[in-house]
Amino acid sequence: MPAKSYDLIVIGTGSAAFATASRCRSAGWSVAVIDSRPFGGTCALRGCDPKKVLVAAAEALQWGHRMNGRGVHPGDARIDWGELMAFKRTFTKPVPKSNEEWLADVGIDGFHDRARFVGPTAVRVGNDDLEAKRVVIASGAVPATLAIPGEEHLINSDDFLELDALPERIVFVGGGYISMEFANVSVRAGARVSVLHRGPRLLVGFDPDLADKVAQAARASGIDLRLETRVEGISRTATGLTVEASSPAGSQTFEADLVVHGAGRVAEIDDLDLAAAEIERGKRGILVNQYLQSTSNSAVYAAGDAAETVGQPLTPVAALEGRVVAANLLNGNKARPDYTGTPSVAFTLPPIAAVGLGEEEARKQGLEFKVNTQDTSQWYSSRRVGEACSASKVLVEEGTGRLLGAHLLGPSADELINLFALAIRHGLTAENLKDAIFAYPTHASDVGYMV
């Protein structure tokens, strides 16, 4: 059977993939997209969106507990896991069908199977051979291989988000955002939760002082948090699973009904047979130039988690890179991604957020700056909602007053960080924010005191 020919083949159906495919199709290109899983990508189906539904339930429960004795009596409020998962599926279940219909409506061909290169711009997907003028790799990420005995007993975040019932005893491996978000939900849903993290601090990439406060809040909620604890092996027993770990204090054993992989993700490109297309890869993904074009195959571009860039592995960054790739495909290599002011949030309880530079990064760049650190737990905006874990840290450049970075912890930190992101992206100063008029009383009205 002869190969089907297209102007563009896109591998993946997440934010980066659809941003590229839709723009190129609108310009009249013939386009094919490939994904072995339901069309929609990680964020909509297996990540950000369904996770935030679970977090919202935990937040609601936590809100009642925080206000207990302050005029609110939560009584027997609890999370019904089955009902919560059914609600979650009202968001995720319609997505693949909706995407399939959209693809058909705009004239994009969709293929469901694993893809692999058989030439510089030739891809085999199932029994179909596809050929294109250009190929975009936006295949997303998968959990990293941990290379520990019994690794097959781990479930990943995809599996966790499909649990029909929550087990009584859960161990999370790793102390990143996946583990900490799910651990916070699980403990409030009634599970006994342990988090085993091999490093000395949680949530690498966020301000270490604020991350330490997240750790304190996690322990106060009942999470058994073990730092500098390395998982050595997992085995199945008659009553569940046993996790063997080691720490400076010696060997430790944890009994669990479920062990969840939360120890990092890597680009999902291993089975694409990149060598057949002479596509070079680095440690984190496809090697690309400033235009997100493969450094070794000029007909190939990469975006999102599949590309080795300085952008963070976040959905908005993937969408940005998808738009940049589309612009360069359609108009020649002119567009470059601008990652300035990219905010990042871990939806822990309370949430932690960051944008711009941290103290260590700013020092490495030789910048002169002042740090305005505030314990905001006694501020009106935190006290009125009973939140005792709340803080901010803002970096301001000496002389210019330019905002270099902002790090927030506490109620609405996940929303408030966007104000700082906007300020950093557009070069605003601390005085600009102090001069702004914000609605009061709101969390935004605290900004002037944070800078």
Protein backbone atom coordinates (compact mmCIF):
# COMPACT_ATOMS: atom_id res chain seq x y z
CA MET A 1 0.00 0.00 0.00
CA PRO A 2 1.51 3.38 -0.96
CA ALA A 3 2.29 5.88 1.79
CA LYS A 4 -0.30 8.54 2.55
CA SER A 5 1.15 11.99 1.89
CA TYR A 6 0.67 15.13 3.98
CA ASP A 7 2.16 18.55 4.36
CA LEU A 8 2.53 17.91 8.09
CA ILE A 9 2.51 14.99 10.51
CA VAL A 10 2.13 15.76 14.21
CA ILE A 11 2.96 13.08 16.78
CA GLY A 12 0.85 13.72 19.89
CA THR A 13 -2.50 15.34 20.67
CA GLY A 14 -1.72 17.53 23.67
CA SER A 15 -1.44 21.30 23.94
CA ALA A 16 1.67 21.66 21.77
CA ALA A 17 0.39 19.25 19.14
CA PHE A 18 -3.03 20.84 18.70
CA ALA A 19 -1.59 24.37 18.72
CA THR A 20 0.59 23.43 15.75
CA ALA A 21 -1.89 21.24 13.88
CA SER A 22 -4.79 23.70 14.08
CA ARG A 23 -2.77 26.66 12.80
CA CYS A 24 -1.22 24.75 9.93
CA ARG A 25 -4.57 23.28 8.91
CA SER A 26 -6.13 26.77 9.00
CA ALA A 27 -3.42 27.84 6.55
CA GLY A 28 -4.54 25.14 4.12
CA TRP A 29 -1.98 22.45 4.90
CA SER A 30 -2.92 18.79 4.85
CA VAL A 31 -2.32 17.48 8.37
CA ALA A 32 -2.27 14.14 10.17
CA VAL A 33 -2.05 13.65 13.94
CA ILE A 34 -0.99 10.44 15.67
CA ASP A 35 -1.61 9.26 19.23
CA SER A 36 -1.92 5.75 20.60
CA ARG A 37 -4.03 7.00 23.50
CA PRO A 38 -7.33 8.88 23.48
CA PHE A 39 -6.93 12.24 21.78
CA GLY A 40 -6.44 15.11 24.23
CA GLY A 41 -3.01 14.79 25.80
CA THR A 42 -1.89 14.63 29.39
CA CYS A 43 -3.31 17.88 30.78
CA ALA A 44 -6.91 17.41 29.73
CA LEU A 45 -7.14 13.66 30.34
CA ARG A 46 -4.44 12.48 32.75
CA GLY A 47 -2.97 15.56 34.43
CA CYS A 48 -3.80 19.18 35.23
CA ASP A 49 -7.56 19.21 34.71
CA PRO A 50 -8.65 15.99 36.46
CA LYS A 51 -6.09 16.53 39.22
CA LYS A 52 -7.47 19.97 40.01
CA VAL A 53 -10.97 18.47 40.41
CA LEU A 54 -9.63 16.19 43.16
CA VAL A 55 -7.68 19.05 44.73
CA ALA A 56 -10.83 21.17 44.82
CA ALA A 57 -12.59 18.55 46.96
CA ALA A 58 -9.66 18.44 49.38
CA GLU A 59 -9.62 22.25 49.50
CA ALA A 60 -13.33 22.34 50.36
CA LEU A 61 -12.83 19.89 53.21
CA GLN A 62 -9.73 21.72 54.42
CA TRP A 63 -11.54 25.05 54.32
CA GLY A 64 -14.14 23.74 56.75
CA HIS A 65 -11.49 22.37 59.13
CA ARG A 66 -9.54 25.65 59.06
CA MET A 67 -12.67 27.61 59.99
CA ASN A 68 -13.70 25.20 62.73
CA GLY A 69 -14.11 27.30 65.87
CA ARG A 70 -14.32 30.44 63.78
CA GLY A 71 -18.04 30.27 63.18
CA VAL A 72 -18.05 27.14 60.97
CA HIS A 73 -18.80 23.61 62.18
CA PRO A 74 -17.79 21.09 59.48
CA GLY A 75 -19.43 18.19 61.32
CA ASP A 76 -19.01 14.88 59.47
CA ALA A 77 -17.91 16.43 56.17
CA ARG A 78 -15.91 13.88 54.17
CA ILE A 79 -14.79 13.01 50.68
CA ASP A 80 -16.79 10.27 48.94
CA TRP A 81 -14.13 8.95 46.57
CA GLY A 82 -16.53 7.20 44.23
CA GLU A 83 -18.69 10.30 43.80
CA LEU A 84 -15.62 12.47 43.36
CA MET A 85 -14.21 10.24 40.61
CA ALA A 86 -17.58 10.19 38.86
CA PHE A 87 -17.57 14.00 38.93
CA LYS A 88 -13.99 14.03 37.63
CA ARG A 89 -15.02 11.90 34.67
CA THR A 90 -17.65 14.45 33.64
CA PHE A 91 -14.67 16.59 32.65
CA THR A 92 -12.42 13.95 31.07
CA LYS A 93 -14.85 11.55 29.38
CA PRO A 94 -16.18 13.97 26.71
CA VAL A 95 -12.72 15.20 25.66
CA PRO A 96 -11.59 12.45 23.24
CA LYS A 97 -14.91 12.36 21.36
CA SER A 98 -14.95 16.14 21.14
CA ASN A 99 -11.42 16.16 19.76
CA GLU A 100 -12.22 13.44 17.24
CA GLU A 101 -15.20 15.44 16.01
CA TRP A 102 -13.16 18.62 15.78
CA LEU A 103 -10.44 16.90 13.75
CA ALA A 104 -13.02 15.54 11.34
CA ASP A 105 -14.73 18.93 11.03
CA VAL A 106 -11.52 20.76 10.11
CA GLY A 107 -10.18 18.01 7.87
CA ILE A 108 -7.28 16.67 9.95
CA ASP A 109 -6.70 12.91 9.71
CA GLY A 110 -6.29 11.15 13.05
CA PHE A 111 -4.38 7.88 13.57
CA HIS A 112 -4.55 5.76 16.73
CA ASP A 113 -1.40 3.69 17.30
CA ARG A 114 2.25 3.98 18.25
CA ALA A 115 4.34 5.87 15.72
CA ARG A 116 7.90 5.20 14.60
CA PHE A 117 10.09 6.78 11.99
CA VAL A 118 11.04 4.78 8.90
CA GLY A 119 12.76 7.66 7.13
CA PRO A 120 13.62 11.37 7.54
CA THR A 121 9.95 12.40 7.24
CA ALA A 122 8.29 9.00 6.95
CA VAL A 123 6.32 7.51 9.84
CA ARG A 124 4.75 4.09 10.29
CA VAL A 125 1.67 3.99 12.48
CA GLY A 126 0.08 0.56 12.84
CA ASN A 127 -0.37 -0.75 9.29
CA ASP A 128 -0.22 2.73 7.73
CA ASP A 129 2.81 4.42 6.24
CA LEU A 130 2.67 8.21 6.25
CA GLU A 131 4.96 10.65 4.44
CA ALA A 132 5.12 14.41 4.97
CA LYS A 133 7.09 17.51 4.10
CA ARG A 134 7.43 18.30 7.81
CA VAL A 135 7.04 16.36 11.08
CA VAL A 136 6.40 17.78 14.55
CA ILE A 137 7.16 15.67 17.61
CA ALA A 138 4.94 16.69 20.53
CA SER A 139 4.51 13.29 22.16
CA GLY A 140 4.57 14.45 25.79
CA ALA A 141 6.14 12.70 28.76
CA VAL A 142 5.91 9.46 30.75
CA PRO A 143 7.07 8.46 34.25
CA ALA A 144 10.82 7.97 34.44
CA THR A 145 12.21 4.47 34.91
CA LEU A 146 13.44 4.15 38.50
CA ALA A 147 15.46 0.95 38.07
CA ILE A 148 14.52 -0.51 41.45
CA PRO A 149 13.55 -4.12 42.21
CA GLY A 150 9.79 -4.55 42.10
CA GLU A 151 9.21 -1.45 40.00
CA GLU A 152 6.42 -3.31 38.20
CA HIS A 153 4.30 -2.97 41.35
CA LEU A 154 4.19 0.83 41.05
CA ILE A 155 1.20 2.61 39.61
CA ASN A 156 1.64 6.00 37.94
CA SER A 157 -0.36 9.23 38.07
CA ASP A 158 -2.55 8.10 35.16
CA ASP A 159 -3.59 5.05 37.16
CA PHE A 160 -4.16 7.07 40.34
CA LEU A 161 -6.57 9.35 38.52
CA GLU A 162 -8.67 6.32 37.53
CA LEU A 163 -8.96 4.68 40.96
CA ASP A 164 -12.55 3.70 41.67
CA ALA A 165 -11.74 3.24 45.35
CA LEU A 166 -8.99 4.76 47.47
CA PRO A 167 -6.91 2.17 49.35
CA GLU A 168 -6.31 2.54 53.06
CA ARG A 169 -2.48 2.65 52.93
CA ILE A 170 -0.63 4.55 50.20
CA VAL A 171 3.09 5.18 49.71
CA PHE A 172 4.22 7.84 47.25
CA VAL A 173 7.72 7.55 45.80
CA GLY A 174 9.31 10.96 45.26
CA GLY A 175 8.66 14.39 46.71
CA GLY A 176 7.77 16.40 43.61
CA TYR A 177 4.49 18.06 42.73
CA ILE A 178 2.74 14.84 41.64
CA SER A 179 3.36 13.07 44.94
CA MET A 180 2.63 16.07 47.12
CA GLU A 181 -0.58 17.03 45.35
CA PHE A 182 -1.98 13.50 45.41
CA ALA A 183 -0.76 12.90 48.97
CA ASN A 184 -2.61 15.99 50.19
CA VAL A 185 -5.79 14.78 48.51
CA SER A 186 -5.41 11.19 49.74
CA VAL A 187 -4.84 12.01 53.39
CA ARG A 188 -7.95 14.20 53.44
CA ALA A 189 -9.91 11.41 51.79
CA GLY A 190 -9.04 9.17 54.74
CA ALA A 191 -5.98 7.22 53.59
CA ARG A 192 -2.83 6.66 55.64
CA VAL A 193 -0.17 8.29 53.51
CA SER A 194 3.61 8.15 53.40
CA VAL A 195 5.87 10.12 51.05
CA LEU A 196 9.42 8.83 50.56
CA HIS A 197 11.78 11.36 48.99
CA ARG A 198 15.47 10.73 48.46
CA GLY A 199 16.46 14.42 48.58
CA PRO A 200 16.74 16.76 51.58
CA ARG A 201 13.93 19.04 50.34
CA LEU A 202 10.56 18.70 48.69
CA LEU A 203 9.43 20.40 45.51
CA VAL A 204 12.74 21.15 43.82
CA GLY A 205 12.28 24.23 41.64
CA PHE A 206 10.28 26.11 44.25
CA ASP A 207 11.75 28.38 46.88
CA PRO A 208 13.38 26.10 49.50
CA ASP A 209 12.17 28.13 52.49
CA LEU A 210 8.56 28.00 51.30
CA ALA A 211 8.93 24.32 50.36
CA ASP A 212 9.98 23.64 53.96
CA LYS A 213 6.73 25.22 55.11
CA VAL A 214 4.82 22.94 52.72
CA ALA A 215 6.57 20.01 54.39
CA GLN A 216 5.51 21.24 57.82
CA ALA A 217 1.91 21.63 56.66
CA ALA A 218 1.96 18.16 55.12
CA ARG A 219 3.14 16.58 58.36
CA ALA A 220 0.53 18.54 60.32
CA SER A 221 -2.17 17.10 58.04
CA GLY A 222 -1.08 13.56 58.92
CA ILE A 223 1.24 12.74 56.00
CA ASP A 224 4.22 10.62 57.06
CA LEU A 225 6.89 12.54 55.16
CA ARG A 226 10.37 11.00 55.00
CA LEU A 227 13.17 13.05 53.45
CA GLU A 228 16.58 11.63 52.49
CA THR A 229 14.86 8.28 52.15
CA ARG A 230 15.66 6.14 49.12
CA VAL A 231 13.35 3.35 47.97
CA GLU A 232 15.41 0.18 47.52
CA GLY A 233 12.72 -2.26 46.45
CA ILE A 234 9.02 -3.14 46.36
CA SER A 235 7.56 -6.60 46.88
CA ARG A 236 4.09 -8.08 46.99
CA THR A 237 2.93 -9.87 50.13
CA ALA A 238 -0.21 -11.70 51.19
CA THR A 239 -1.57 -8.48 52.68
CA GLY A 240 -0.45 -5.91 50.10
CA LEU A 241 2.93 -4.41 49.25
CA THR A 242 6.13 -3.91 51.20
CA VAL A 243 8.44 -1.00 50.41
CA GLU A 244 12.05 -1.32 51.53
CA ALA A 245 13.87 1.99 51.96
CA SER A 246 17.09 3.36 53.38
CA SER A 247 18.00 6.64 55.05
CA PRO A 248 20.79 8.03 57.22
CA ALA A 249 18.88 6.51 60.15
CA GLY A 250 19.12 3.03 58.62
CA SER A 251 16.80 0.63 56.81
CA GLN A 252 13.03 1.13 56.96
CA THR A 253 10.01 -0.89 55.88
CA PHE A 254 6.62 0.48 54.86
CA GLU A 255 3.47 -1.60 54.37
CA ALA A 256 1.05 -0.38 51.71
CA ASP A 257 -1.94 -1.30 49.61
CA LEU A 258 -0.76 0.99 46.82
CA VAL A 259 2.61 2.46 45.82
CA VAL A 260 2.52 5.46 43.49
CA HIS A 261 5.31 6.67 41.20
CA GLY A 262 5.76 10.41 41.72
CA ALA A 263 9.50 10.60 41.09
CA GLY A 264 9.69 12.49 37.81
CA ARG A 265 8.79 12.24 34.14
CA VAL A 266 10.80 12.04 30.92
CA ALA A 267 10.10 12.69 27.24
CA GLU A 268 8.07 9.92 25.60
CA ILE A 269 10.35 9.45 22.60
CA ASP A 270 12.20 6.19 23.26
CA ASP A 271 10.16 4.05 20.85
CA LEU A 272 9.99 6.54 17.95
CA ASP A 273 13.15 5.09 16.32
CA LEU A 274 14.66 8.56 16.01
CA ALA A 275 17.81 7.11 14.45
CA ALA A 276 15.84 6.14 11.34
CA ALA A 277 15.16 9.86 10.79
CA GLU A 278 18.61 11.00 11.96
CA ILE A 279 17.05 12.95 14.82
CA GLU A 280 19.45 13.65 17.66
CA ARG A 281 18.28 13.63 21.25
CA GLY A 282 19.71 14.89 24.52
CA LYS A 283 19.10 13.89 28.12
CA ARG A 284 15.69 15.58 28.27
CA GLY A 285 14.34 15.37 24.73
CA ILE A 286 14.82 16.16 21.05
CA LEU A 287 17.74 18.53 20.49
CA VAL A 288 16.36 21.68 18.89
CA ASN A 289 17.67 25.09 17.88
CA GLN A 290 16.22 28.46 18.93
CA TYR A 291 13.37 27.97 16.46
CA LEU A 292 12.46 24.54 17.94
CA GLN A 293 13.79 22.84 14.80
CA SER A 294 15.74 19.60 15.13
CA THR A 295 19.48 20.29 15.08
CA SER A 296 20.08 17.25 12.88
CA ASN A 297 16.98 16.98 10.66
CA SER A 298 15.71 20.32 9.36
CA ALA A 299 12.34 18.84 8.36
CA VAL A 300 11.52 17.97 11.98
CA TYR A 301 10.45 20.25 14.84
CA ALA A 302 9.69 19.40 18.47
CA ALA A 303 7.66 21.09 21.20
CA GLY A 304 6.45 20.56 24.73
CA ASP A 305 7.89 17.81 26.91
CA ALA A 306 9.39 16.07 23.87
CA ALA A 307 11.81 18.96 23.18
CA GLU A 308 14.98 19.79 25.08
CA THR A 309 14.48 23.50 25.74
CA VAL A 310 14.89 25.85 28.70
CA GLY A 311 11.11 26.05 29.03
CA GLN A 312 9.50 24.39 32.02
CA PRO A 313 7.43 21.20 31.50
CA LEU A 314 4.12 23.04 31.82
CA THR A 315 0.96 23.05 29.70
CA PRO A 316 1.09 26.81 28.91
CA VAL A 317 4.72 26.40 27.83
CA ALA A 318 3.79 23.51 25.54
CA ALA A 319 1.03 25.62 23.97
CA LEU A 320 3.46 28.51 23.49
CA GLU A 321 6.00 26.24 21.82
CA GLY A 322 3.30 24.76 19.59
CA ARG A 323 2.39 28.25 18.39
CA VAL A 324 6.06 29.07 17.75
CA VAL A 325 6.53 25.88 15.73
CA ALA A 326 3.45 26.64 13.64
CA ALA A 327 4.68 30.18 12.94
CA ASN A 328 8.06 28.89 11.81
CA LEU A 329 6.54 26.17 9.63
CA LEU A 330 4.27 28.67 7.92
CA ASN A 331 6.56 31.71 7.70
CA GLY A 332 10.10 30.40 7.94
CA ASN A 333 12.27 30.40 11.03
CA LYS A 334 11.61 33.77 12.62
CA ALA A 335 9.73 33.07 15.85
CA ARG A 336 11.45 32.08 19.07
CA PRO A 337 9.75 31.16 22.35
CA ASP A 338 9.89 33.79 25.07
CA TYR A 339 9.69 32.10 28.45
CA THR A 340 9.94 35.33 30.47
CA GLY A 341 7.54 35.37 33.39
CA THR A 342 6.39 31.75 33.24
CA PRO A 343 4.55 30.96 36.50
CA SER A 344 4.60 27.53 38.10
CA VAL A 345 2.27 26.16 40.77
CA ALA A 346 2.10 23.04 42.89
CA PHE A 347 -1.48 22.56 44.07
CA THR A 348 -0.54 21.43 47.53
CA LEU A 349 -2.58 22.53 50.56
CA PRO A 350 -1.88 25.38 50.72
CA PRO A 351 -0.62 25.97 47.15
CA ILE A 352 2.95 27.07 46.45
CA ALA A 353 3.82 29.19 43.42
CA ALA A 354 6.84 30.74 41.74
CA VAL A 355 7.75 32.97 38.82
CA GLY A 356 11.05 34.45 37.68
CA LEU A 357 14.35 33.99 39.50
CA GLY A 358 15.07 32.41 42.83
CA GLU A 359 17.74 33.77 45.17
CA GLU A 360 20.41 31.28 44.07
CA GLU A 361 19.75 31.89 40.37
CA ALA A 362 19.85 35.66 40.81
CA ARG A 363 23.18 35.45 42.63
CA LYS A 364 24.66 33.22 39.93
CA GLN A 365 23.73 35.88 37.39
CA GLY A 366 25.61 38.45 39.42
CA LEU A 367 22.51 40.57 40.05
CA GLU A 368 22.24 43.03 42.92
CA PHE A 369 18.86 42.67 44.56
CA LYS A 370 16.92 42.90 47.78
CA VAL A 371 14.64 40.18 49.09
CA ASN A 372 11.36 41.09 50.73
CA THR A 373 10.37 38.06 52.82
CA GLN A 374 7.07 38.09 54.65
CA ASP A 375 5.30 35.66 56.96
CA THR A 376 1.78 36.51 55.84
CA SER A 377 -0.04 34.11 58.16
CA GLN A 378 -1.18 36.98 60.40
CA TRP A 379 -2.25 39.22 57.52
CA TYR A 380 -5.97 39.82 57.23
CA SER A 381 -6.29 37.85 53.97
CA SER A 382 -4.91 34.70 55.64
CA ARG A 383 -6.47 35.09 59.09
CA ARG A 384 -9.99 35.53 57.74
CA VAL A 385 -9.81 32.05 56.16
CA GLY A 386 -7.95 30.45 59.06
CA GLU A 387 -4.75 29.73 57.12
CA ALA A 388 -1.68 29.58 59.37
CA CYS A 389 0.73 28.54 56.60
CA SER A 390 1.23 31.59 54.41
CA ALA A 391 4.33 33.48 53.21
CA SER A 392 5.83 35.46 50.36
CA LYS A 393 9.30 36.22 49.04
CA VAL A 394 9.86 38.81 46.29
CA LEU A 395 13.17 39.69 44.64
CA VAL A 396 13.62 43.30 43.48
CA GLU A 397 16.66 44.50 41.56
CA GLU A 398 18.64 47.26 43.25
CA GLY A 399 18.69 50.53 41.36
CA THR A 400 16.07 49.71 38.73
CA GLY A 401 13.35 48.36 41.05
CA ARG A 402 12.69 45.67 38.44
CA LEU A 403 10.90 42.58 39.71
CA LEU A 404 13.18 39.57 39.36
CA GLY A 405 11.15 36.84 41.02
CA ALA A 406 8.17 36.13 43.23
CA HIS A 407 7.52 33.11 45.46
CA LEU A 408 4.20 32.67 47.20
CA LEU A 409 2.61 30.22 49.64
CA GLY A 410 -0.89 30.35 50.99
CA PRO A 411 -4.50 31.02 50.02
CA SER A 412 -4.90 31.98 46.35
CA ALA A 413 -1.15 31.82 45.71
CA ASP A 414 -2.01 29.91 42.53
CA GLU A 415 -3.99 32.89 41.24
CA LEU A 416 -1.94 35.72 42.72
CA ILE A 417 1.25 34.48 41.05
CA ASN A 418 -0.23 35.46 37.69
CA LEU A 419 -0.08 39.14 38.64
CA PHE A 420 3.63 38.82 39.32
CA ALA A 421 4.07 36.84 36.09
CA LEU A 422 2.46 39.64 34.11
CA ALA A 423 4.65 42.22 35.86
CA ILE A 424 7.87 40.30 35.20
CA ARG A 425 7.00 39.56 31.58
CA HIS A 426 6.39 43.25 30.88
CA GLY A 427 9.26 44.64 32.94
CA LEU A 428 7.21 46.35 35.64
CA THR A 429 8.86 47.62 38.80
CA ALA A 430 8.00 47.30 42.45
CA GLU A 431 6.79 50.90 42.39
CA ASN A 432 4.45 50.09 39.49
CA LEU A 433 2.77 47.44 41.62
CA LYS A 434 2.67 49.66 44.69
CA ASP A 435 0.95 52.35 42.62
CA ALA A 436 -1.68 49.96 41.24
CA ILE A 437 -5.20 50.13 42.64
CA PHE A 438 -6.55 46.68 43.53
CA ALA A 439 -9.99 45.74 44.81
CA TYR A 440 -10.03 45.48 48.60
CA PRO A 441 -10.08 43.32 50.61
CA THR A 442 -8.58 40.73 48.24
CA HIS A 443 -5.35 38.79 48.07
CA ALA A 444 -4.25 41.07 45.24
CA SER A 445 -4.50 44.05 47.56
CA ASP A 446 -1.58 42.51 49.50
CA VAL A 447 0.77 42.82 46.53
CA GLY A 448 1.97 46.32 47.38
CA TYR A 449 3.15 45.09 50.78
CA MET A 450 4.88 42.04 49.30
CA VAL A 451 7.19 44.06 47.05
